[in-house]
Every structure is written in C-alpha cells, then in structure tokens.
Amino acid sequence: MVDDNAETPGAEPHGLSVAEMAEITGVTAHTLRYYERAGLIHPITRTVGNQRRYQPGDVDWMRFLVRLRETGMPIAQTRDYAALRTQGDSTLPARVHLLTEHHEALRQRIKRLRDHERALAATIKGHQQMTDQADDAGAGKSYDEPRKR
C-alpha cells in the first residue's frame, strides 16, 4: 500500500494543524486525538515541536470515518475496518463484506425511522384536529367573562 501522506526525509512536515483538520472535517480536536489513540487513524506526522500535521489523505479518511460514525457503525466495527485497510488491497473482500453488513443494518434502521416518522406525523395530525375542534367549540366565548356558578 502506498503511503499518500509520506513526507520528504529530514524536512519539516507540512499539512493541516489539529484546529484546521477539525474545522475541515467537522470533528473536534478531542475526537481527532481519540481516533488516533483508538487506532482508527494511523499515527499522524508531527513537527519538531511535536505538533500534528494532517495530510490530504487524512482528510478523506476522516470524512469516511465520520460517515461511518454518523450512519451508526459501532466503534469496534470501525476499528476492524481500519485495521483491514492498513493491510492493503488483499483485504478488499473482507472490507466489502463489512460495509455490506453495515449498509443492510443502516437500511433497516432507516425503514424503522420512516415507520416512526409516519406514526409521529399521524399523532400530530390527530392532536391538531382535536385542537382545531376545541377551538371551534369555544369560538365566540371570551375567557375573560366570569364563569357561571
């Protein structure tokens, strides 16, 4: 596997700082550091001052990890995928299998959410109809009028 993040030996690494990477990818600096510690992203190149410098390939990978997270892939499964990825193209069939399983789970979750959305919309409609009927029944009455005892 070719490292698209390789730096020139002896040169000061260039690239994005943690803050820049966080802004571009929409994750927090804490999440970036956590993902590195958790093994979801490879150890990031550092400057002589020990500051992380993210490369273009890191941006794409982080965006993919965000997509997996936002679609509900568990961290353990994401870690498995990341480990397979580091082993190169020979793991493509295993990665396809992992992503296919995740895709099917996502489709099922979307179906459940759509069912819930329809039920919620029906409940709102029913409540709105009851509110409208109550408003019609009370039309012409002033709530400031004294009540009859």
C-alpha atoms as a PDB file:
ATOM      1  CA  MET A   1       0.000   0.000   0.000  1.00  0.00           C
ATOM      2  CA  VAL A   2       1.399   3.408  -0.971  1.00  0.00           C
ATOM      3  CA  ASP A   3       1.525   5.997   1.796  1.00  0.00           C
ATOM      4  CA  ASP A   4      -0.026   9.097   0.255  1.00  0.00           C
ATOM      5  CA  ASN A   5       0.970  11.002   3.390  1.00  0.00           C
ATOM      6  CA  ALA A   6       4.724  10.386   3.154  1.00  0.00           C
ATOM      7  CA  GLU A   7       6.984  13.338   3.884  1.00  0.00           C
ATOM      8  CA  THR A   8      10.429  14.069   2.469  1.00  0.00           C
ATOM      9  CA  PRO A   9      13.033  12.663   4.899  1.00  0.00           C
ATOM     10  CA  GLY A  10      14.618  15.375   7.051  1.00  0.00           C
ATOM     11  CA  ALA A  11      12.114  18.027   6.015  1.00  0.00           C
ATOM     12  CA  GLU A  12       9.795  19.753   8.459  1.00  0.00           C
ATOM     13  CA  PRO A  13       6.331  18.200   7.933  1.00  0.00           C
ATOM     14  CA  HIS A  14       3.713  20.435   6.400  1.00  0.00           C
ATOM     15  CA  GLY A  15      -0.004  19.950   6.388  1.00  0.00           C
ATOM     16  CA  LEU A  16      -3.011  20.833   8.478  1.00  0.00           C
ATOM     17  CA  SER A  17      -2.889  21.564  12.185  1.00  0.00           C
ATOM     18  CA  VAL A  18      -5.341  19.884  14.552  1.00  0.00           C
ATOM     19  CA  ALA A  19      -7.533  23.013  14.532  1.00  0.00           C
ATOM     20  CA  GLU A  20      -7.533  23.196  10.728  1.00  0.00           C
ATOM     21  CA  MET A  21      -8.304  19.486  10.405  1.00  0.00           C
ATOM     22  CA  ALA A  22     -11.117  19.803  12.938  1.00  0.00           C
ATOM     23  CA  GLU A  23     -12.645  22.698  11.015  1.00  0.00           C
ATOM     24  CA  ILE A  24     -12.419  20.953   7.640  1.00  0.00           C
ATOM     25  CA  THR A  25     -13.804  17.618   8.830  1.00  0.00           C
ATOM     26  CA  GLY A  26     -16.337  18.891  11.354  1.00  0.00           C
ATOM     27  CA  VAL A  27     -14.978  16.878  14.261  1.00  0.00           C
ATOM     28  CA  THR A  28     -13.452  18.191  17.450  1.00  0.00           C
ATOM     29  CA  ALA A  29      -9.744  18.200  18.205  1.00  0.00           C
ATOM     30  CA  HIS A  30     -10.527  15.760  21.020  1.00  0.00           C
ATOM     31  CA  THR A  31     -12.136  13.350  18.529  1.00  0.00           C
ATOM     32  CA  LEU A  32      -9.116  13.554  16.223  1.00  0.00           C
ATOM     33  CA  ARG A  33      -6.780  12.678  19.079  1.00  0.00           C
ATOM     34  CA  TYR A  34      -9.108   9.919  20.305  1.00  0.00           C
ATOM     35  CA  TYR A  35      -9.315   8.356  16.835  1.00  0.00           C
ATOM     36  CA  GLU A  36      -5.528   8.293  16.669  1.00  0.00           C
ATOM     37  CA  ARG A  37      -5.250   6.666  20.128  1.00  0.00           C
ATOM     38  CA  ALA A  38      -8.006   4.183  19.230  1.00  0.00           C
ATOM     39  CA  GLY A  39      -6.153   3.104  16.106  1.00  0.00           C
ATOM     40  CA  LEU A  40      -8.758   4.408  13.678  1.00  0.00           C
ATOM     41  CA  ILE A  41      -6.211   6.680  12.037  1.00  0.00           C
ATOM     42  CA  HIS A  42      -2.516   5.987  11.672  1.00  0.00           C
ATOM     43  CA  PRO A  43      -0.061   7.891  13.865  1.00  0.00           C
ATOM     44  CA  ILE A  44      -0.025  11.415  12.471  1.00  0.00           C
ATOM     45  CA  THR A  45       3.160  13.080  11.245  1.00  0.00           C
ATOM     46  CA  ARG A  46       4.495  15.594  13.758  1.00  0.00           C
ATOM     47  CA  THR A  47       6.658  18.682  13.566  1.00  0.00           C
ATOM     48  CA  VAL A  48       9.877  19.017  15.558  1.00  0.00           C
ATOM     49  CA  GLY A  49       7.690  20.876  18.076  1.00  0.00           C
ATOM     50  CA  ASN A  50       5.537  17.690  18.337  1.00  0.00           C
ATOM     51  CA  GLN A  51       2.507  19.295  16.658  1.00  0.00           C
ATOM     52  CA  ARG A  52       0.372  17.029  14.493  1.00  0.00           C
ATOM     53  CA  ARG A  53       0.270  17.723  10.757  1.00  0.00           C
ATOM     54  CA  TYR A  54      -2.531  16.071   8.816  1.00  0.00           C
ATOM     55  CA  GLN A  55      -2.113  15.296   5.123  1.00  0.00           C
ATOM     56  CA  PRO A  56      -4.687  15.264   2.265  1.00  0.00           C
ATOM     57  CA  GLY A  57      -5.245  11.511   2.617  1.00  0.00           C
ATOM     58  CA  ASP A  58      -6.009  12.012   6.296  1.00  0.00           C
ATOM     59  CA  VAL A  59      -8.826  14.435   5.419  1.00  0.00           C
ATOM     60  CA  ASP A  60     -10.507  11.912   3.106  1.00  0.00           C
ATOM     61  CA  TRP A  61     -10.117   9.088   5.627  1.00  0.00           C
ATOM     62  CA  MET A  62     -11.503  11.201   8.482  1.00  0.00           C
ATOM     63  CA  ARG A  63     -14.515  12.162   6.379  1.00  0.00           C
ATOM     64  CA  PHE A  64     -15.114   8.462   5.708  1.00  0.00           C
ATOM     65  CA  LEU A  65     -14.824   7.678   9.430  1.00  0.00           C
ATOM     66  CA  VAL A  66     -17.340  10.449  10.181  1.00  0.00           C
ATOM     67  CA  ARG A  67     -19.707   8.920   7.633  1.00  0.00           C
ATOM     68  CA  LEU A  68     -19.387   5.509   9.304  1.00  0.00           C
ATOM     69  CA  ARG A  69     -19.989   7.050  12.738  1.00  0.00           C
ATOM     70  CA  GLU A  70     -22.979   9.100  11.574  1.00  0.00           C
ATOM     71  CA  THR A  71     -24.544   6.033   9.989  1.00  0.00           C
ATOM     72  CA  GLY A  72     -24.255   4.163  13.264  1.00  0.00           C
ATOM     73  CA  MET A  73     -21.302   1.841  12.740  1.00  0.00           C
ATOM     74  CA  PRO A  74     -20.060   0.739  16.177  1.00  0.00           C
ATOM     75  CA  ILE A  75     -16.532   1.834  17.075  1.00  0.00           C
ATOM     76  CA  ALA A  76     -15.332  -1.797  17.304  1.00  0.00           C
ATOM     77  CA  GLN A  77     -16.537  -2.493  13.769  1.00  0.00           C
ATOM     78  CA  THR A  78     -14.953   0.759  12.549  1.00  0.00           C
ATOM     79  CA  ARG A  79     -11.696  -0.292  14.193  1.00  0.00           C
ATOM     80  CA  ASP A  80     -11.912  -3.651  12.384  1.00  0.00           C
ATOM     81  CA  TYR A  81     -12.405  -1.849   9.083  1.00  0.00           C
ATOM     82  CA  ALA A  82      -9.461   0.474   9.767  1.00  0.00           C
ATOM     83  CA  ALA A  83      -7.227  -2.477  10.632  1.00  0.00           C
ATOM     84  CA  LEU A  84      -8.188  -4.233   7.398  1.00  0.00           C
ATOM     85  CA  ARG A  85      -7.496  -1.058   5.425  1.00  0.00           C
ATOM     86  CA  THR A  86      -3.940  -0.836   6.753  1.00  0.00           C
ATOM     87  CA  GLN A  87      -3.287  -4.364   5.436  1.00  0.00           C
ATOM     88  CA  GLY A  88      -3.813  -3.258   1.857  1.00  0.00           C
ATOM     89  CA  ASP A  89      -5.860  -4.342  -1.131  1.00  0.00           C
ATOM     90  CA  SER A  90      -5.775  -8.035  -0.219  1.00  0.00           C
ATOM     91  CA  THR A  91      -8.428  -7.203   2.400  1.00  0.00           C
ATOM     92  CA  LEU A  92     -10.867  -5.629  -0.068  1.00  0.00           C
ATOM     93  CA  PRO A  93     -13.268  -8.612   0.006  1.00  0.00           C
ATOM     94  CA  ALA A  94     -13.403  -8.500   3.821  1.00  0.00           C
ATOM     95  CA  ARG A  95     -13.943  -4.726   3.759  1.00  0.00           C
ATOM     96  CA  VAL A  96     -16.721  -5.062   1.188  1.00  0.00           C
ATOM     97  CA  HIS A  97     -18.370  -7.678   3.409  1.00  0.00           C
ATOM     98  CA  LEU A  98     -18.108  -5.450   6.485  1.00  0.00           C
ATOM     99  CA  LEU A  99     -19.528  -2.441   4.628  1.00  0.00           C
ATOM    100  CA  THR A 100     -22.305  -4.536   3.068  1.00  0.00           C
ATOM    101  CA  GLU A 101     -23.421  -5.734   6.508  1.00  0.00           C
ATOM    102  CA  HIS A 102     -23.335  -2.162   7.790  1.00  0.00           C
ATOM    103  CA  HIS A 103     -25.293  -0.940   4.769  1.00  0.00           C
ATOM    104  CA  GLU A 104     -28.021  -3.520   5.375  1.00  0.00           C
ATOM    105  CA  ALA A 105     -28.239  -2.580   9.077  1.00  0.00           C
ATOM    106  CA  LEU A 106     -28.475   1.077   8.031  1.00  0.00           C
ATOM    107  CA  ARG A 107     -31.282   0.317   5.570  1.00  0.00           C
ATOM    108  CA  GLN A 108     -33.218  -1.494   8.308  1.00  0.00           C
ATOM    109  CA  ARG A 109     -32.712   1.404  10.718  1.00  0.00           C
ATOM    110  CA  ILE A 110     -33.892   3.898   8.078  1.00  0.00           C
ATOM    111  CA  LYS A 111     -37.002   1.770   7.500  1.00  0.00           C
ATOM    112  CA  ARG A 112     -37.755   1.777  11.249  1.00  0.00           C
ATOM    113  CA  LEU A 113     -37.189   5.532  11.403  1.00  0.00           C
ATOM    114  CA  ARG A 114     -39.562   6.089   8.482  1.00  0.00           C
ATOM    115  CA  ASP A 115     -42.204   3.987  10.249  1.00  0.00           C
ATOM    116  CA  HIS A 116     -41.700   6.063  13.409  1.00  0.00           C
ATOM    117  CA  GLU A 117     -41.872   9.287  11.394  1.00  0.00           C
ATOM    118  CA  ARG A 118     -45.206   8.266   9.834  1.00  0.00           C
ATOM    119  CA  ALA A 119     -46.629   7.333  13.237  1.00  0.00           C
ATOM    120  CA  LEU A 120     -45.455  10.608  14.739  1.00  0.00           C
ATOM    121  CA  ALA A 121     -46.951  12.592  11.832  1.00  0.00           C
ATOM    122  CA  ALA A 122     -50.283  10.788  12.329  1.00  0.00           C
ATOM    123  CA  THR A 123     -50.240  11.591  16.059  1.00  0.00           C
ATOM    124  CA  ILE A 124     -49.501  15.246  15.351  1.00  0.00           C
ATOM    125  CA  LYS A 125     -52.338  15.361  12.819  1.00  0.00           C
ATOM    126  CA  GLY A 126     -54.745  13.805  15.338  1.00  0.00           C
ATOM    127  CA  HIS A 127     -53.713  16.243  18.049  1.00  0.00           C
ATOM    128  CA  GLN A 128     -54.042  19.170  15.646  1.00  0.00           C
ATOM    129  CA  GLN A 129     -57.568  18.057  14.682  1.00  0.00           C
ATOM    130  CA  MET A 130     -58.558  17.848  18.369  1.00  0.00           C
ATOM    131  CA  THR A 131     -57.077  21.314  18.945  1.00  0.00           C
ATOM    132  CA  ASP A 132     -58.977  22.723  15.968  1.00  0.00           C
ATOM    133  CA  GLN A 133     -62.248  21.155  17.192  1.00  0.00           C
ATOM    134  CA  ALA A 134     -61.722  22.583  20.671  1.00  0.00           C
ATOM    135  CA  ASP A 135     -61.028  25.999  19.155  1.00  0.00           C
ATOM    136  CA  ASP A 136     -64.222  25.781  17.057  1.00  0.00           C
ATOM    137  CA  ALA A 137     -66.308  24.750  20.069  1.00  0.00           C
ATOM    138  CA  GLY A 138     -65.021  27.685  22.066  1.00  0.00           C
ATOM    139  CA  ALA A 139     -65.447  30.255  19.275  1.00  0.00           C
ATOM    140  CA  GLY A 140     -67.260  33.371  20.362  1.00  0.00           C
ATOM    141  CA  LYS A 141     -66.596  32.807  24.061  1.00  0.00           C
ATOM    142  CA  SER A 142     -64.406  35.167  25.914  1.00  0.00           C
ATOM    143  CA  TYR A 143     -62.210  33.673  28.565  1.00  0.00           C
ATOM    144  CA  ASP A 144     -62.435  36.984  30.387  1.00  0.00           C
ATOM    145  CA  GLU A 145     -66.159  36.520  31.071  1.00  0.00           C
ATOM    146  CA  PRO A 146     -66.982  35.447  34.584  1.00  0.00           C
ATOM    147  CA  ARG A 147     -67.920  31.797  34.923  1.00  0.00           C
ATOM    148  CA  LYS A 148     -71.445  30.846  35.944  1.00  0.00           C
ATOM    149  CA  ARG A 149     -71.613  29.051  39.263  1.00  0.00           C
END
